[in-house]
Amino acid sequence: MQINVLDARNRLSQVIKAAQAGEDVVIANRGRALVRLVPVASQPAAAEPGRVEGVLGWLAGHPLPEAGRRRAAEIDAAVQAGRDAWD
């Protein structure tokens, strides 16, 4: 369904129900599509449960090359050097 802005405003409840039912709802201005209305449930979750664990598991099986690794002492020294630069 394509609906103009004024009609969408006047029939907002109906437009929302149509989108929730899976209908493709496009809101237009003078025939030019502006936005698509989709139900929230159809949007991918920003942070899916278990996603971090999956990345950490992959990293465990695919460690960084030695050149990309830094020891804790090296990181601490770099942080301290950055702090000292502000003094």
PDB file of N, CA and C in Angstrom:
ATOM      1  N   MET A   1       0.839  -1.161   0.000  1.00  0.00           N
ATOM      2  CA  MET A   1       0.000   0.000   0.000  1.00  0.00           C
ATOM      3  C   MET A   1       0.892   1.235   0.000  1.00  0.00           C
ATOM      4  N   GLN A   2       0.588   2.183  -0.854  1.00  0.00           N
ATOM      5  CA  GLN A   2       1.250   3.482  -0.811  1.00  0.00           C
ATOM      6  C   GLN A   2       0.195   4.498  -0.423  1.00  0.00           C
ATOM      7  N   ILE A   3       0.512   5.316   0.545  1.00  0.00           N
ATOM      8  CA  ILE A   3      -0.450   6.276   1.081  1.00  0.00           C
ATOM      9  C   ILE A   3       0.253   7.615   1.253  1.00  0.00           C
ATOM     10  N   ASN A   4      -0.470   8.700   0.985  1.00  0.00           N
ATOM     11  CA  ASN A   4       0.182  10.004   1.143  1.00  0.00           C
ATOM     12  C   ASN A   4       0.193  10.403   2.617  1.00  0.00           C
ATOM     13  N   VAL A   5       1.002  11.388   2.936  1.00  0.00           N
ATOM     14  CA  VAL A   5       1.232  11.788   4.325  1.00  0.00           C
ATOM     15  C   VAL A   5      -0.075  12.181   5.016  1.00  0.00           C
ATOM     16  N   LEU A   6      -0.895  12.966   4.361  1.00  0.00           N
ATOM     17  CA  LEU A   6      -2.146  13.420   4.975  1.00  0.00           C
ATOM     18  C   LEU A   6      -3.074  12.248   5.280  1.00  0.00           C
ATOM     19  N   ASP A   7      -3.230  11.342   4.322  1.00  0.00           N
ATOM     20  CA  ASP A   7      -4.078  10.169   4.556  1.00  0.00           C
ATOM     21  C   ASP A   7      -3.493   9.276   5.648  1.00  0.00           C
ATOM     22  N   ALA A   8      -2.177   9.153   5.677  1.00  0.00           N
ATOM     23  CA  ALA A   8      -1.533   8.337   6.713  1.00  0.00           C
ATOM     24  C   ALA A   8      -1.808   8.926   8.085  1.00  0.00           C
ATOM     25  N   ARG A   9      -1.755  10.239   8.181  1.00  0.00           N
ATOM     26  CA  ARG A   9      -2.026  10.889   9.460  1.00  0.00           C
ATOM     27  C   ARG A   9      -3.478  10.667   9.880  1.00  0.00           C
ATOM     28  N   ASN A  10      -4.378  10.802   8.938  1.00  0.00           N
ATOM     29  CA  ASN A  10      -5.803  10.654   9.252  1.00  0.00           C
ATOM     30  C   ASN A  10      -6.206   9.209   9.534  1.00  0.00           C
ATOM     31  N   ARG A  11      -5.471   8.257   8.988  1.00  0.00           N
ATOM     32  CA  ARG A  11      -5.805   6.829   9.149  1.00  0.00           C
ATOM     33  C   ARG A  11      -4.662   6.064   9.821  1.00  0.00           C
ATOM     34  N   LEU A  12      -3.960   6.721  10.722  1.00  0.00           N
ATOM     35  CA  LEU A  12      -2.752   6.141  11.312  1.00  0.00           C
ATOM     36  C   LEU A  12      -2.991   4.764  11.926  1.00  0.00           C
ATOM     37  N   SER A  13      -4.057   4.586  12.666  1.00  0.00           N
ATOM     38  CA  SER A  13      -4.322   3.279  13.292  1.00  0.00           C
ATOM     39  C   SER A  13      -4.453   2.181  12.246  1.00  0.00           C
ATOM     40  N   GLN A  14      -5.164   2.465  11.159  1.00  0.00           N
ATOM     41  CA  GLN A  14      -5.341   1.472  10.092  1.00  0.00           C
ATOM     42  C   GLN A  14      -4.017   1.176   9.389  1.00  0.00           C
ATOM     43  N   VAL A  15      -3.222   2.213   9.178  1.00  0.00           N
ATOM     44  CA  VAL A  15      -1.931   2.046   8.501  1.00  0.00           C
ATOM     45  C   VAL A  15      -1.004   1.188   9.356  1.00  0.00           C
ATOM     46  N   ILE A  16      -0.989   1.437  10.654  1.00  0.00           N
ATOM     47  CA  ILE A  16      -0.151   0.645  11.562  1.00  0.00           C
ATOM     48  C   ILE A  16      -0.601  -0.813  11.567  1.00  0.00           C
ATOM     49  N   LYS A  17      -1.898  -1.051  11.635  1.00  0.00           N
ATOM     50  CA  LYS A  17      -2.403  -2.431  11.620  1.00  0.00           C
ATOM     51  C   LYS A  17      -2.028  -3.144  10.330  1.00  0.00           C
ATOM     52  N   ALA A  18      -2.077  -2.430   9.205  1.00  0.00           N
ATOM     53  CA  ALA A  18      -1.699  -3.029   7.924  1.00  0.00           C
ATOM     54  C   ALA A  18      -0.226  -3.425   7.929  1.00  0.00           C
ATOM     55  N   ALA A  19       0.629  -2.559   8.463  1.00  0.00           N
ATOM     56  CA  ALA A  19       2.061  -2.870   8.526  1.00  0.00           C
ATOM     57  C   ALA A  19       2.310  -4.051   9.456  1.00  0.00           C
ATOM     58  N   GLN A  20       1.621  -4.090  10.584  1.00  0.00           N
ATOM     59  CA  GLN A  20       1.783  -5.200  11.524  1.00  0.00           C
ATOM     60  C   GLN A  20       1.326  -6.516  10.915  1.00  0.00           C
ATOM     61  N   ALA A  21       0.368  -6.450  10.009  1.00  0.00           N
ATOM     62  CA  ALA A  21      -0.137  -7.661   9.353  1.00  0.00           C
ATOM     63  C   ALA A  21       0.783  -8.125   8.226  1.00  0.00           C
ATOM     64  N   GLY A  22       1.852  -7.375   7.991  1.00  0.00           N
ATOM     65  CA  GLY A  22       2.818  -7.783   6.976  1.00  0.00           C
ATOM     66  C   GLY A  22       2.676  -7.070   5.647  1.00  0.00           C
ATOM     67  N   GLU A  23       1.733  -6.163   5.548  1.00  0.00           N
ATOM     68  CA  GLU A  23       1.552  -5.422   4.295  1.00  0.00           C
ATOM     69  C   GLU A  23       2.678  -4.399   4.138  1.00  0.00           C
ATOM     70  N   ASP A  24       3.160  -4.244   2.916  1.00  0.00           N
ATOM     71  CA  ASP A  24       4.206  -3.268   2.619  1.00  0.00           C
ATOM     72  C   ASP A  24       3.555  -1.890   2.599  1.00  0.00           C
ATOM     73  N   VAL A  25       3.897  -1.035   3.564  1.00  0.00           N
ATOM     74  CA  VAL A  25       3.290   0.289   3.677  1.00  0.00           C
ATOM     75  C   VAL A  25       4.348   1.339   3.370  1.00  0.00           C
ATOM     76  N   VAL A  26       4.075   2.145   2.344  1.00  0.00           N
ATOM     77  CA  VAL A  26       4.981   3.219   1.951  1.00  0.00           C
ATOM     78  C   VAL A  26       4.226   4.530   2.088  1.00  0.00           C
ATOM     79  N   ILE A  27       4.829   5.473   2.803  1.00  0.00           N
ATOM     80  CA  ILE A  27       4.224   6.791   2.951  1.00  0.00           C
ATOM     81  C   ILE A  27       4.925   7.720   1.966  1.00  0.00           C
ATOM     82  N   ALA A  28       4.101   8.421   1.167  1.00  0.00           N
ATOM     83  CA  ALA A  28       4.635   9.242   0.082  1.00  0.00           C
ATOM     84  C   ALA A  28       4.164  10.682   0.213  1.00  0.00           C
ATOM     85  N   ASN A  29       4.888  11.549  -0.453  1.00  0.00           N
ATOM     86  CA  ASN A  29       4.514  12.949  -0.556  1.00  0.00           C
ATOM     87  C   ASN A  29       4.482  13.304  -2.033  1.00  0.00           C
ATOM     88  N   ARG A  30       3.298  13.625  -2.527  1.00  0.00           N
ATOM     89  CA  ARG A  30       3.100  13.950  -3.943  1.00  0.00           C
ATOM     90  C   ARG A  30       3.584  12.827  -4.857  1.00  0.00           C
ATOM     91  N   GLY A  31       3.308  11.602  -4.439  1.00  0.00           N
ATOM     92  CA  GLY A  31       3.656  10.438  -5.244  1.00  0.00           C
ATOM     93  C   GLY A  31       5.091   9.966  -5.099  1.00  0.00           C
ATOM     94  N   ARG A  32       5.910  10.690  -4.365  1.00  0.00           N
ATOM     95  CA  ARG A  32       7.314  10.306  -4.165  1.00  0.00           C
ATOM     96  C   ARG A  32       7.442   9.605  -2.814  1.00  0.00           C
ATOM     97  N   ALA A  33       7.904   8.360  -2.835  1.00  0.00           N
ATOM     98  CA  ALA A  33       8.026   7.572  -1.604  1.00  0.00           C
ATOM     99  C   ALA A  33       9.007   8.242  -0.650  1.00  0.00           C
ATOM    100  N   LEU A  34       8.589   8.348   0.605  1.00  0.00           N
ATOM    101  CA  LEU A  34       9.443   8.953   1.626  1.00  0.00           C
ATOM    102  C   LEU A  34       9.964   7.925   2.620  1.00  0.00           C
ATOM    103  N   VAL A  35       9.059   7.120   3.160  1.00  0.00           N
ATOM    104  CA  VAL A  35       9.437   6.149   4.192  1.00  0.00           C
ATOM    105  C   VAL A  35       8.655   4.857   4.009  1.00  0.00           C
ATOM    106  N   ARG A  36       9.212   3.790   4.552  1.00  0.00           N
ATOM    107  CA  ARG A  36       8.527   2.492   4.572  1.00  0.00           C
ATOM    108  C   ARG A  36       8.249   2.166   6.037  1.00  0.00           C
ATOM    109  N   LEU A  37       7.025   1.780   6.307  1.00  0.00           N
ATOM    110  CA  LEU A  37       6.607   1.432   7.659  1.00  0.00           C
ATOM    111  C   LEU A  37       6.667  -0.082   7.807  1.00  0.00           C
ATOM    112  N   VAL A  38       7.459  -0.543   8.763  1.00  0.00           N
ATOM    113  CA  VAL A  38       7.602  -1.979   9.002  1.00  0.00           C
ATOM    114  C   VAL A  38       7.423  -2.251  10.489  1.00  0.00           C
ATOM    115  N   PRO A  39       6.906  -3.427  10.840  1.00  0.00           N
ATOM    116  CA  PRO A  39       6.759  -3.749  12.261  1.00  0.00           C
ATOM    117  C   PRO A  39       8.125  -3.926  12.923  1.00  0.00           C
ATOM    118  N   VAL A  40       8.205  -3.570  14.182  1.00  0.00           N
ATOM    119  CA  VAL A  40       9.458  -3.663  14.923  1.00  0.00           C
ATOM    120  C   VAL A  40       9.979  -5.090  14.944  1.00  0.00           C
ATOM    121  N   ALA A  41       9.107  -6.069  15.070  1.00  0.00           N
ATOM    122  CA  ALA A  41       9.531  -7.468  15.157  1.00  0.00           C
ATOM    123  C   ALA A  41      10.293  -7.913  13.919  1.00  0.00           C
ATOM    124  N   SER A  42      10.075  -7.257  12.773  1.00  0.00           N
ATOM    125  CA  SER A  42      10.768  -7.674  11.556  1.00  0.00           C
ATOM    126  C   SER A  42      12.165  -7.077  11.443  1.00  0.00           C
ATOM    127  N   GLN A  43      12.509  -6.161  12.344  1.00  0.00           N
ATOM    128  CA  GLN A  43      13.833  -5.559  12.324  1.00  0.00           C
ATOM    129  C   GLN A  43      14.814  -6.465  13.064  1.00  0.00           C
ATOM    130  N   PRO A  44      16.046  -6.603  12.568  1.00  0.00           N
ATOM    131  CA  PRO A  44      17.023  -7.414  13.295  1.00  0.00           C
ATOM    132  C   PRO A  44      17.360  -6.778  14.639  1.00  0.00           C
ATOM    133  N   ALA A  45      17.558  -7.608  15.628  1.00  0.00           N
ATOM    134  CA  ALA A  45      17.902  -7.116  16.955  1.00  0.00           C
ATOM    135  C   ALA A  45      19.289  -6.498  16.936  1.00  0.00           C
ATOM    136  N   ALA A  46      19.449  -5.398  17.662  1.00  0.00           N
ATOM    137  CA  ALA A  46      20.743  -4.723  17.706  1.00  0.00           C
ATOM    138  C   ALA A  46      21.790  -5.615  18.369  1.00  0.00           C
ATOM    139  N   ALA A  47      21.413  -6.266  19.434  1.00  0.00           N
ATOM    140  CA  ALA A  47      22.339  -7.157  20.128  1.00  0.00           C
ATOM    141  C   ALA A  47      21.601  -8.450  20.435  1.00  0.00           C
ATOM    142  N   GLU A  48      21.862  -9.453  19.650  1.00  0.00           N
ATOM    143  CA  GLU A  48      21.193 -10.731  19.850  1.00  0.00           C
ATOM    144  C   GLU A  48      21.900 -11.516  20.950  1.00  0.00           C
ATOM    145  N   PRO A  49      21.137 -12.191  21.809  1.00  0.00           N
ATOM    146  CA  PRO A  49      21.760 -12.991  22.862  1.00  0.00           C
ATOM    147  C   PRO A  49      22.699 -14.039  22.265  1.00  0.00           C
ATOM    148  N   GLY A  50      23.865 -14.184  22.861  1.00  0.00           N
ATOM    149  CA  GLY A  50      24.821 -15.177  22.391  1.00  0.00           C
ATOM    150  C   GLY A  50      25.746 -14.680  21.303  1.00  0.00           C
ATOM    151  N   ARG A  51      25.524 -13.495  20.810  1.00  0.00           N
ATOM    152  CA  ARG A  51      26.346 -12.984  19.711  1.00  0.00           C
ATOM    153  C   ARG A  51      27.795 -12.769  20.154  1.00  0.00           C
ATOM    154  N   VAL A  52      27.986 -12.182  21.329  1.00  0.00           N
ATOM    155  CA  VAL A  52      29.336 -11.934  21.830  1.00  0.00           C
ATOM    156  C   VAL A  52      30.054 -13.252  22.071  1.00  0.00           C
ATOM    157  N   GLU A  53      29.339 -14.221  22.616  1.00  0.00           N
ATOM    158  CA  GLU A  53      29.955 -15.515  22.875  1.00  0.00           C
ATOM    159  C   GLU A  53      30.418 -16.155  21.568  1.00  0.00           C
ATOM    160  N   GLY A  54      29.645 -15.976  20.512  1.00  0.00           N
ATOM    161  CA  GLY A  54      30.030 -16.523  19.211  1.00  0.00           C
ATOM    162  C   GLY A  54      31.308 -15.898  18.692  1.00  0.00           C
ATOM    163  N   VAL A  55      31.439 -14.594  18.851  1.00  0.00           N
ATOM    164  CA  VAL A  55      32.651 -13.896  18.403  1.00  0.00           C
ATOM    165  C   VAL A  55      33.842 -14.339  19.239  1.00  0.00           C
ATOM    166  N   LEU A  56      33.650 -14.431  20.550  1.00  0.00           N
ATOM    167  CA  LEU A  56      34.751 -14.855  21.416  1.00  0.00           C
ATOM    168  C   LEU A  56      35.168 -16.287  21.114  1.00  0.00           C
ATOM    169  N   GLY A  57      34.195 -17.137  20.824  1.00  0.00           N
ATOM    170  CA  GLY A  57      34.514 -18.516  20.455  1.00  0.00           C
ATOM    171  C   GLY A  57      35.310 -18.575  19.163  1.00  0.00           C
ATOM    172  N   TRP A  58      34.934 -17.743  18.194  1.00  0.00           N
ATOM    173  CA  TRP A  58      35.671 -17.706  16.926  1.00  0.00           C
ATOM    174  C   TRP A  58      37.094 -17.213  17.156  1.00  0.00           C
ATOM    175  N   LEU A  59      37.248 -16.187  17.977  1.00  0.00           N
ATOM    176  CA  LEU A  59      38.588 -15.660  18.259  1.00  0.00           C
ATOM    177  C   LEU A  59      39.457 -16.696  18.964  1.00  0.00           C
ATOM    178  N   ALA A  60      38.848 -17.523  19.810  1.00  0.00           N
ATOM    179  CA  ALA A  60      39.619 -18.565  20.492  1.00  0.00           C
ATOM    180  C   ALA A  60      40.193 -19.552  19.487  1.00  0.00           C
ATOM    181  N   GLY A  61      39.456 -19.841  18.445  1.00  0.00           N
ATOM    182  CA  GLY A  61      39.927 -20.769  17.420  1.00  0.00           C
ATOM    183  C   GLY A  61      40.779 -20.116  16.348  1.00  0.00           C
ATOM    184  N   HIS A  62      40.754 -18.797  16.283  1.00  0.00           N
ATOM    185  CA  HIS A  62      41.512 -18.047  15.278  1.00  0.00           C
ATOM    186  C   HIS A  62      42.257 -16.907  15.971  1.00  0.00           C
ATOM    187  N   PRO A  63      43.314 -17.204  16.701  1.00  0.00           N
ATOM    188  CA  PRO A  63      44.011 -16.161  17.462  1.00  0.00           C
ATOM    189  C   PRO A  63      44.643 -15.118  16.537  1.00  0.00           C
ATOM    190  N   LEU A  64      44.828 -13.936  17.099  1.00  0.00           N
ATOM    191  CA  LEU A  64      45.484 -12.869  16.343  1.00  0.00           C
ATOM    192  C   LEU A  64      46.927 -13.253  16.041  1.00  0.00           C
ATOM    193  N   PRO A  65      47.468 -12.770  14.919  1.00  0.00           N
ATOM    194  CA  PRO A  65      48.879 -13.024  14.646  1.00  0.00           C
ATOM    195  C   PRO A  65      49.741 -12.386  15.732  1.00  0.00           C
ATOM    196  N   GLU A  66      50.897 -12.927  15.941  1.00  0.00           N
ATOM    197  CA  GLU A  66      51.793 -12.438  16.990  1.00  0.00           C
ATOM    198  C   GLU A  66      52.050 -10.939  16.844  1.00  0.00           C
ATOM    199  N   ALA A  67      52.147 -10.463  15.598  1.00  0.00           N
ATOM    200  CA  ALA A  67      52.423  -9.039  15.370  1.00  0.00           C
ATOM    201  C   ALA A  67      51.273  -8.162  15.865  1.00  0.00           C
ATOM    202  N   GLY A  68      50.064  -8.684  15.927  1.00  0.00           N
ATOM    203  CA  GLY A  68      48.912  -7.905  16.355  1.00  0.00           C
ATOM    204  C   GLY A  68      48.642  -7.971  17.845  1.00  0.00           C
ATOM    205  N   ARG A  69      49.391  -8.776  18.558  1.00  0.00           N
ATOM    206  CA  ARG A  69      49.171  -8.944  19.998  1.00  0.00           C
ATOM    207  C   ARG A  69      50.064  -8.003  20.793  1.00  0.00           C
ATOM    208  N   ARG A  70      49.531  -7.547  21.916  1.00  0.00           N
ATOM    209  CA  ARG A  70      50.340  -6.746  22.837  1.00  0.00           C
ATOM    210  C   ARG A  70      50.136  -7.296  24.235  1.00  0.00           C
ATOM    211  N   ARG A  71      51.176  -7.314  24.979  1.00  0.00           N
ATOM    212  CA  ARG A  71      51.113  -7.787  26.356  1.00  0.00           C
ATOM    213  C   ARG A  71      50.462  -6.715  27.232  1.00  0.00           C
ATOM    214  N   ALA A  72      49.933  -7.139  28.358  1.00  0.00           N
ATOM    215  CA  ALA A  72      49.273  -6.212  29.276  1.00  0.00           C
ATOM    216  C   ALA A  72      50.222  -5.098  29.701  1.00  0.00           C
ATOM    217  N   ALA A  73      51.476  -5.431  29.938  1.00  0.00           N
ATOM    218  CA  ALA A  73      52.459  -4.425  30.358  1.00  0.00           C
ATOM    219  C   ALA A  73      52.668  -3.382  29.256  1.00  0.00           C
ATOM    220  N   GLU A  74      52.667  -3.822  27.992  1.00  0.00           N
ATOM    221  CA  GLU A  74      52.834  -2.884  26.877  1.00  0.00           C
ATOM    222  C   GLU A  74      51.634  -1.937  26.784  1.00  0.00           C
ATOM    223  N   ILE A  75      50.451  -2.488  26.985  1.00  0.00           N
ATOM    224  CA  ILE A  75      49.242  -1.660  26.933  1.00  0.00           C
ATOM    225  C   ILE A  75      49.242  -0.661  28.082  1.00  0.00           C
ATOM    226  N   ASP A  76      49.598  -1.133  29.290  1.00  0.00           N
ATOM    227  CA  ASP A  76      49.665  -0.238  30.446  1.00  0.00           C
ATOM    228  C   ASP A  76      50.666   0.884  30.212  1.00  0.00           C
ATOM    229  N   ALA A  77      51.819   0.561  29.626  1.00  0.00           N
ATOM    230  CA  ALA A  77      52.842   1.573  29.349  1.00  0.00           C
ATOM    231  C   ALA A  77      52.334   2.590  28.331  1.00  0.00           C
ATOM    232  N   ALA A  78      51.628   2.137  27.317  1.00  0.00           N
ATOM    233  CA  ALA A  78      51.093   3.049  26.306  1.00  0.00           C
ATOM    234  C   ALA A  78      50.033   3.972  26.909  1.00  0.00           C
ATOM    235  N   VAL A  79      49.182   3.434  27.778  1.00  0.00           N
ATOM    236  CA  VAL A  79      48.163   4.247  28.439  1.00  0.00           C
ATOM    237  C   VAL A  79      48.826   5.280  29.332  1.00  0.00           C
ATOM    238  N   GLN A  80      49.821   4.859  30.096  1.00  0.00           N
ATOM    239  CA  GLN A  80      50.517   5.781  30.992  1.00  0.00           C
ATOM    240  C   GLN A  80      51.229   6.875  30.204  1.00  0.00           C
ATOM    241  N   ALA A  81      51.840   6.513  29.077  1.00  0.00           N
ATOM    242  CA  ALA A  81      52.521   7.508  28.237  1.00  0.00           C
ATOM    243  C   ALA A  81      51.516   8.531  27.719  1.00  0.00           C
ATOM    244  N   GLY A  82      50.337   8.076  27.353  1.00  0.00           N
ATOM    245  CA  GLY A  82      49.299   9.000  26.903  1.00  0.00           C
ATOM    246  C   GLY A  82      48.853   9.935  28.010  1.00  0.00           C
ATOM    247  N   ARG A  83      48.746   9.409  29.217  1.00  0.00           N
ATOM    248  CA  ARG A  83      48.351  10.242  30.352  1.00  0.00           C
ATOM    249  C   ARG A  83      49.441  11.249  30.692  1.00  0.00           C
ATOM    250  N   ASP A  84      50.701  10.792  30.643  1.00  0.00           N
ATOM    251  CA  ASP A  84      51.822  11.682  30.955  1.00  0.00           C
ATOM    252  C   ASP A  84      51.919  12.821  29.950  1.00  0.00           C
ATOM    253  N   ALA A  85      51.506  12.585  28.728  1.00  0.00           N
ATOM    254  CA  ALA A  85      51.581  13.618  27.697  1.00  0.00           C
ATOM    255  C   ALA A  85      50.653  14.792  28.018  1.00  0.00           C
ATOM    256  N   TRP A  86      49.623  14.557  28.821  1.00  0.00           N
ATOM    257  CA  TRP A  86      48.694  15.624  29.180  1.00  0.00           C
ATOM    258  C   TRP A  86      49.227  16.499  30.311  1.00  0.00           C
ATOM    259  N   ASP A  87      50.247  16.053  30.993  1.00  0.00           N
ATOM    260  CA  ASP A  87      50.788  16.828  32.134  1.00  0.00           C
ATOM    261  C   ASP A  87      51.662  17.948  31.683  1.00  0.00           C
TER     262      ASP A  87
END
